[in-house]
Amino acid sequence: MRFLHTMLRVGDLERSIDFYTRVLGMKLLRTTHRPEQQYSLAFVGYGSNPEHAEIELTYNHGVSSYEHGTAFGHLALGVDDVASACETIRANGGTITREAGPVKGGSTIIAFVVDPDGYKIELIQRGT
């Protein structure tokens, strides 16, 4: 078995594509538009399946926002340098909600950014 993608419902597909590609540096991998079924999809990621997991951004026509509920936590991205990633994200218009620093009770460096729909994304330092 292999992890393929995570689906997030978004209120504005173009806004979300811009965030994930311009702010987080992902690639737009493919899109699907289904006007008769009232939805559009965009797949983004740092590479395509099966080598990389993707994010499926789903826009249900006419729906501009969603409640996230209390079960969903966050997505996580490994980065070489969390502080540098935060600077780049901020310079590209992204919002950092937790600055780079060690996780409580540990030494792993993390930060959090939020996407335009309010989904939290954790940055985890993987560099030396």
N, C-alpha and C. Protein backbone atom coordinates (compact mmCIF):
# COMPACT_ATOMS: atom_id res chain seq x y z
N MET A 1 0.84 -1.18 0.00
CA MET A 1 0.00 0.00 0.00
C MET A 1 0.88 1.24 0.00
N ARG A 2 0.30 2.33 -0.46
CA ARG A 2 1.03 3.58 -0.58
C ARG A 2 0.08 4.74 -0.34
N PHE A 3 0.53 5.77 0.38
CA PHE A 3 -0.25 6.97 0.61
C PHE A 3 -0.24 7.79 -0.67
N LEU A 4 -1.41 8.11 -1.24
CA LEU A 4 -1.48 8.82 -2.52
C LEU A 4 -1.76 10.30 -2.39
N HIS A 5 -2.84 10.66 -1.68
CA HIS A 5 -3.15 12.08 -1.55
C HIS A 5 -4.06 12.35 -0.36
N THR A 6 -4.11 13.63 -0.01
CA THR A 6 -5.04 14.14 0.99
C THR A 6 -5.93 15.15 0.29
N MET A 7 -7.22 15.10 0.53
CA MET A 7 -8.16 16.03 -0.10
C MET A 7 -8.55 17.11 0.90
N LEU A 8 -8.48 18.36 0.44
CA LEU A 8 -8.94 19.50 1.22
C LEU A 8 -10.01 20.24 0.42
N ARG A 9 -11.13 20.54 1.05
CA ARG A 9 -12.16 21.35 0.40
C ARG A 9 -11.78 22.82 0.54
N VAL A 10 -11.83 23.54 -0.56
CA VAL A 10 -11.40 24.94 -0.56
C VAL A 10 -12.51 25.84 -1.09
N GLY A 11 -12.50 27.10 -0.66
CA GLY A 11 -13.54 28.06 -1.04
C GLY A 11 -13.24 28.82 -2.32
N ASP A 12 -11.99 28.81 -2.77
CA ASP A 12 -11.59 29.52 -3.99
C ASP A 12 -10.41 28.76 -4.57
N LEU A 13 -10.64 28.02 -5.64
CA LEU A 13 -9.62 27.13 -6.19
C LEU A 13 -8.38 27.89 -6.65
N GLU A 14 -8.55 28.99 -7.34
CA GLU A 14 -7.40 29.75 -7.84
C GLU A 14 -6.57 30.32 -6.69
N ARG A 15 -7.23 30.80 -5.65
CA ARG A 15 -6.53 31.32 -4.47
C ARG A 15 -5.70 30.23 -3.82
N SER A 16 -6.27 29.04 -3.72
CA SER A 16 -5.57 27.92 -3.10
C SER A 16 -4.41 27.44 -3.96
N ILE A 17 -4.62 27.36 -5.27
CA ILE A 17 -3.53 26.99 -6.18
C ILE A 17 -2.38 27.98 -6.02
N ASP A 18 -2.70 29.27 -5.97
CA ASP A 18 -1.67 30.30 -5.82
C ASP A 18 -0.90 30.09 -4.52
N PHE A 19 -1.58 29.83 -3.42
CA PHE A 19 -0.91 29.63 -2.14
C PHE A 19 0.02 28.43 -2.19
N TYR A 20 -0.49 27.29 -2.61
CA TYR A 20 0.32 26.07 -2.56
C TYR A 20 1.48 26.10 -3.57
N THR A 21 1.30 26.79 -4.69
CA THR A 21 2.39 26.85 -5.67
C THR A 21 3.34 28.01 -5.40
N ARG A 22 2.82 29.21 -5.24
CA ARG A 22 3.69 30.38 -5.09
C ARG A 22 4.27 30.49 -3.69
N VAL A 23 3.45 30.28 -2.66
CA VAL A 23 3.91 30.46 -1.29
C VAL A 23 4.67 29.24 -0.77
N LEU A 24 4.16 28.03 -1.03
CA LEU A 24 4.82 26.83 -0.53
C LEU A 24 5.72 26.14 -1.56
N GLY A 25 5.72 26.64 -2.80
CA GLY A 25 6.64 26.11 -3.80
C GLY A 25 6.27 24.77 -4.41
N MET A 26 5.01 24.35 -4.26
CA MET A 26 4.57 23.11 -4.89
C MET A 26 4.31 23.35 -6.38
N LYS A 27 4.11 22.27 -7.10
CA LYS A 27 3.78 22.34 -8.52
C LYS A 27 2.30 22.03 -8.69
N LEU A 28 1.67 22.71 -9.65
CA LEU A 28 0.32 22.33 -10.04
C LEU A 28 0.47 21.12 -10.95
N LEU A 29 -0.01 19.98 -10.51
CA LEU A 29 0.22 18.72 -11.22
C LEU A 29 -0.85 18.43 -12.28
N ARG A 30 -2.09 18.73 -11.95
CA ARG A 30 -3.18 18.52 -12.92
C ARG A 30 -4.46 19.10 -12.35
N THR A 31 -5.40 19.37 -13.24
CA THR A 31 -6.72 19.88 -12.85
C THR A 31 -7.80 19.07 -13.55
N THR A 32 -8.96 19.07 -12.94
CA THR A 32 -10.14 18.44 -13.51
C THR A 32 -11.31 19.36 -13.23
N HIS A 33 -12.10 19.66 -14.25
CA HIS A 33 -13.29 20.50 -14.07
C HIS A 33 -14.51 19.68 -14.47
N ARG A 34 -15.47 19.59 -13.59
CA ARG A 34 -16.70 18.82 -13.82
C ARG A 34 -17.90 19.75 -13.60
N PRO A 35 -18.18 20.63 -14.58
CA PRO A 35 -19.28 21.59 -14.39
C PRO A 35 -20.64 20.93 -14.17
N GLU A 36 -20.89 19.82 -14.85
CA GLU A 36 -22.19 19.16 -14.67
C GLU A 36 -22.34 18.60 -13.26
N GLN A 37 -21.23 18.19 -12.65
CA GLN A 37 -21.27 17.66 -11.29
C GLN A 37 -20.98 18.75 -10.26
N GLN A 38 -20.72 19.97 -10.70
CA GLN A 38 -20.55 21.13 -9.83
C GLN A 38 -19.30 21.08 -8.94
N TYR A 39 -18.19 20.55 -9.49
CA TYR A 39 -16.94 20.62 -8.73
C TYR A 39 -15.75 20.71 -9.66
N SER A 40 -14.65 21.20 -9.12
CA SER A 40 -13.37 21.29 -9.83
C SER A 40 -12.27 20.83 -8.88
N LEU A 41 -11.24 20.20 -9.43
CA LEU A 41 -10.13 19.68 -8.64
C LEU A 41 -8.81 20.24 -9.15
N ALA A 42 -7.88 20.40 -8.25
CA ALA A 42 -6.49 20.70 -8.61
C ALA A 42 -5.61 19.85 -7.70
N PHE A 43 -4.65 19.18 -8.30
CA PHE A 43 -3.69 18.39 -7.53
C PHE A 43 -2.37 19.14 -7.50
N VAL A 44 -1.83 19.33 -6.30
CA VAL A 44 -0.56 20.03 -6.11
C VAL A 44 0.37 19.14 -5.30
N GLY A 45 1.66 19.38 -5.46
CA GLY A 45 2.65 18.64 -4.68
C GLY A 45 4.05 18.96 -5.14
N TYR A 46 5.01 18.32 -4.50
CA TYR A 46 6.41 18.51 -4.86
C TYR A 46 6.85 17.51 -5.91
N GLY A 47 5.98 16.62 -6.28
CA GLY A 47 6.19 15.61 -7.31
C GLY A 47 4.90 14.83 -7.44
N SER A 48 4.83 13.99 -8.45
CA SER A 48 3.61 13.24 -8.74
C SER A 48 3.62 11.85 -8.13
N ASN A 49 2.42 11.30 -8.01
CA ASN A 49 2.27 9.90 -7.63
C ASN A 49 2.95 9.04 -8.68
N PRO A 50 3.49 7.90 -8.38
CA PRO A 50 3.47 7.29 -7.05
C PRO A 50 4.66 7.66 -6.18
N GLU A 51 5.62 8.43 -6.70
CA GLU A 51 6.81 8.75 -5.91
C GLU A 51 6.52 9.72 -4.76
N HIS A 52 5.54 10.59 -4.93
CA HIS A 52 5.22 11.60 -3.93
C HIS A 52 3.72 11.62 -3.65
N ALA A 53 3.37 11.89 -2.41
CA ALA A 53 1.96 12.11 -2.08
C ALA A 53 1.56 13.50 -2.57
N GLU A 54 0.31 13.68 -2.88
CA GLU A 54 -0.21 14.92 -3.42
C GLU A 54 -1.31 15.47 -2.51
N ILE A 55 -1.66 16.74 -2.75
CA ILE A 55 -2.83 17.33 -2.10
C ILE A 55 -3.86 17.58 -3.19
N GLU A 56 -5.05 17.07 -2.98
CA GLU A 56 -6.18 17.31 -3.88
C GLU A 56 -6.98 18.47 -3.31
N LEU A 57 -7.01 19.58 -4.03
CA LEU A 57 -7.81 20.73 -3.65
C LEU A 57 -9.15 20.61 -4.36
N THR A 58 -10.24 20.52 -3.62
CA THR A 58 -11.56 20.32 -4.18
C THR A 58 -12.40 21.57 -3.97
N TYR A 59 -12.87 22.13 -5.07
CA TYR A 59 -13.78 23.27 -5.01
C TYR A 59 -15.16 22.80 -5.44
N ASN A 60 -16.12 22.85 -4.52
CA ASN A 60 -17.52 22.55 -4.83
C ASN A 60 -18.16 23.87 -5.23
N HIS A 61 -18.59 23.96 -6.47
CA HIS A 61 -19.09 25.22 -7.04
C HIS A 61 -20.13 25.86 -6.14
N GLY A 62 -19.90 27.14 -5.84
CA GLY A 62 -20.83 27.91 -5.04
C GLY A 62 -20.60 27.84 -3.54
N VAL A 63 -19.64 27.05 -3.09
CA VAL A 63 -19.36 26.94 -1.65
C VAL A 63 -18.07 27.69 -1.37
N SER A 64 -18.15 28.75 -0.57
CA SER A 64 -16.97 29.60 -0.36
C SER A 64 -16.23 29.34 0.95
N SER A 65 -16.80 28.53 1.85
CA SER A 65 -16.09 28.24 3.10
C SER A 65 -16.64 26.97 3.73
N TYR A 66 -15.83 26.40 4.62
CA TYR A 66 -16.18 25.17 5.32
C TYR A 66 -15.81 25.30 6.78
N GLU A 67 -16.50 24.56 7.64
CA GLU A 67 -16.09 24.42 9.03
C GLU A 67 -15.16 23.22 9.09
N HIS A 68 -14.03 23.37 9.75
CA HIS A 68 -13.05 22.29 9.80
C HIS A 68 -13.37 21.24 10.85
N GLY A 69 -14.17 21.58 11.80
CA GLY A 69 -14.46 20.63 12.87
C GLY A 69 -13.30 20.52 13.84
N THR A 70 -13.38 19.58 14.74
CA THR A 70 -12.34 19.45 15.76
C THR A 70 -11.46 18.22 15.55
N ALA A 71 -11.71 17.43 14.54
CA ALA A 71 -10.93 16.21 14.33
C ALA A 71 -9.66 16.46 13.52
N PHE A 72 -9.72 17.32 12.52
CA PHE A 72 -8.56 17.56 11.67
C PHE A 72 -7.53 18.40 12.41
N GLY A 73 -6.26 18.01 12.31
CA GLY A 73 -5.20 18.76 12.97
C GLY A 73 -4.41 19.61 12.00
N HIS A 74 -3.55 18.98 11.19
CA HIS A 74 -2.71 19.74 10.27
C HIS A 74 -2.04 18.81 9.26
N LEU A 75 -1.49 19.42 8.23
CA LEU A 75 -0.58 18.74 7.31
C LEU A 75 0.83 19.04 7.79
N ALA A 76 1.82 18.25 7.38
CA ALA A 76 3.20 18.52 7.79
C ALA A 76 4.11 18.43 6.58
N LEU A 77 5.06 19.38 6.52
CA LEU A 77 6.07 19.41 5.46
C LEU A 77 7.45 19.38 6.09
N GLY A 78 8.34 18.55 5.56
CA GLY A 78 9.72 18.55 5.99
C GLY A 78 10.48 19.61 5.21
N VAL A 79 11.27 20.42 5.90
CA VAL A 79 12.07 21.47 5.26
C VAL A 79 13.49 21.41 5.82
N ASP A 80 14.44 21.94 5.05
CA ASP A 80 15.83 21.95 5.51
C ASP A 80 16.04 22.92 6.67
N ASP A 81 15.41 24.09 6.60
CA ASP A 81 15.62 25.15 7.59
C ASP A 81 14.28 25.85 7.82
N VAL A 82 13.67 25.62 8.97
CA VAL A 82 12.34 26.15 9.27
C VAL A 82 12.35 27.68 9.28
N ALA A 83 13.34 28.30 9.90
CA ALA A 83 13.37 29.76 9.98
C ALA A 83 13.44 30.38 8.59
N SER A 84 14.27 29.81 7.74
CA SER A 84 14.40 30.30 6.36
C SER A 84 13.10 30.09 5.59
N ALA A 85 12.47 28.93 5.78
CA ALA A 85 11.19 28.66 5.11
C ALA A 85 10.14 29.67 5.55
N CYS A 86 10.12 30.02 6.83
CA CYS A 86 9.17 31.02 7.33
C CYS A 86 9.40 32.36 6.66
N GLU A 87 10.66 32.77 6.52
CA GLU A 87 10.97 34.03 5.85
C GLU A 87 10.46 34.03 4.41
N THR A 88 10.69 32.93 3.69
CA THR A 88 10.25 32.83 2.30
C THR A 88 8.73 32.86 2.21
N ILE A 89 8.07 32.11 3.07
CA ILE A 89 6.60 32.07 3.08
C ILE A 89 6.03 33.45 3.38
N ARG A 90 6.57 34.11 4.38
CA ARG A 90 6.12 35.45 4.74
C ARG A 90 6.35 36.43 3.58
N ALA A 91 7.51 36.36 2.93
CA ALA A 91 7.85 37.25 1.81
C ALA A 91 6.91 37.05 0.63
N ASN A 92 6.33 35.83 0.52
CA ASN A 92 5.40 35.53 -0.56
C ASN A 92 3.95 35.70 -0.16
N GLY A 93 3.71 36.33 0.99
CA GLY A 93 2.35 36.64 1.41
C GLY A 93 1.69 35.63 2.33
N GLY A 94 2.43 34.59 2.73
CA GLY A 94 1.87 33.60 3.64
C GLY A 94 1.84 34.09 5.07
N THR A 95 1.02 33.45 5.89
CA THR A 95 0.86 33.83 7.29
C THR A 95 1.45 32.76 8.20
N ILE A 96 2.42 33.14 8.99
CA ILE A 96 3.03 32.25 9.97
C ILE A 96 2.24 32.41 11.28
N THR A 97 1.75 31.31 11.82
CA THR A 97 0.98 31.38 13.06
C THR A 97 1.77 30.92 14.28
N ARG A 98 2.90 30.26 14.04
CA ARG A 98 3.83 29.89 15.13
C ARG A 98 5.22 30.00 14.54
N GLU A 99 6.02 30.86 15.12
CA GLU A 99 7.37 31.09 14.62
C GLU A 99 8.25 29.86 14.85
N ALA A 100 9.33 29.79 14.11
CA ALA A 100 10.28 28.67 14.23
C ALA A 100 10.83 28.58 15.64
N GLY A 101 10.84 27.38 16.16
CA GLY A 101 11.39 27.13 17.49
C GLY A 101 11.19 25.67 17.86
N PRO A 102 11.81 25.25 18.96
CA PRO A 102 11.70 23.85 19.35
C PRO A 102 10.29 23.48 19.79
N VAL A 103 9.90 22.26 19.48
CA VAL A 103 8.61 21.74 19.94
C VAL A 103 8.65 21.66 21.46
N LYS A 104 7.53 21.88 22.10
CA LYS A 104 7.48 21.83 23.57
C LYS A 104 8.01 20.48 24.07
N GLY A 105 8.94 20.54 24.98
CA GLY A 105 9.49 19.33 25.58
C GLY A 105 10.50 18.60 24.72
N GLY A 106 10.91 19.18 23.58
CA GLY A 106 11.83 18.50 22.69
C GLY A 106 12.79 19.46 22.02
N SER A 107 13.48 18.97 21.03
CA SER A 107 14.47 19.80 20.34
C SER A 107 14.18 19.96 18.85
N THR A 108 13.19 19.25 18.32
CA THR A 108 12.85 19.37 16.90
C THR A 108 12.31 20.77 16.64
N ILE A 109 12.84 21.43 15.60
CA ILE A 109 12.42 22.78 15.26
C ILE A 109 11.20 22.69 14.35
N ILE A 110 10.14 23.42 14.74
CA ILE A 110 8.91 23.44 13.96
C ILE A 110 8.40 24.88 13.84
N ALA A 111 7.44 25.06 12.95
CA ALA A 111 6.69 26.31 12.83
C ALA A 111 5.35 25.93 12.22
N PHE A 112 4.40 26.86 12.24
CA PHE A 112 3.11 26.62 11.60
C PHE A 112 2.76 27.78 10.68
N VAL A 113 2.18 27.44 9.55
CA VAL A 113 1.65 28.40 8.58
C VAL A 113 0.19 28.01 8.37
N VAL A 114 -0.63 28.96 7.94
CA VAL A 114 -2.04 28.67 7.68
C VAL A 114 -2.33 28.99 6.22
N ASP A 115 -3.11 28.14 5.56
CA ASP A 115 -3.45 28.39 4.16
C ASP A 115 -4.67 29.31 4.09
N PRO A 116 -5.07 29.75 2.90
CA PRO A 116 -6.18 30.71 2.78
C PRO A 116 -7.52 30.22 3.34
N ASP A 117 -7.69 28.91 3.47
CA ASP A 117 -8.93 28.37 4.01
C ASP A 117 -8.82 28.02 5.48
N GLY A 118 -7.69 28.36 6.09
CA GLY A 118 -7.52 28.13 7.51
C GLY A 118 -6.92 26.79 7.89
N TYR A 119 -6.49 25.98 6.91
CA TYR A 119 -5.85 24.71 7.22
C TYR A 119 -4.45 24.98 7.73
N LYS A 120 -4.08 24.32 8.83
CA LYS A 120 -2.76 24.48 9.42
C LYS A 120 -1.75 23.56 8.74
N ILE A 121 -0.55 24.09 8.53
CA ILE A 121 0.53 23.32 7.93
C ILE A 121 1.75 23.47 8.83
N GLU A 122 2.23 22.34 9.34
CA GLU A 122 3.41 22.34 10.19
C GLU A 122 4.65 22.20 9.33
N LEU A 123 5.66 22.99 9.63
CA LEU A 123 6.97 22.88 8.99
C LEU A 123 7.88 22.21 9.99
N ILE A 124 8.53 21.12 9.60
CA ILE A 124 9.40 20.36 10.50
C ILE A 124 10.81 20.37 9.92
N GLN A 125 11.77 20.81 10.72
CA GLN A 125 13.14 20.90 10.24
C GLN A 125 13.73 19.51 10.06
N ARG A 126 14.22 19.25 8.86
CA ARG A 126 14.82 17.96 8.52
C ARG A 126 16.29 18.10 8.16
N GLY A 127 16.79 19.34 8.09
CA GLY A 127 18.19 19.57 7.77
C GLY A 127 19.08 19.23 8.95
N THR A 128 20.37 19.33 8.75
CA THR A 128 21.33 18.98 9.82
C THR A 128 21.46 20.14 10.79
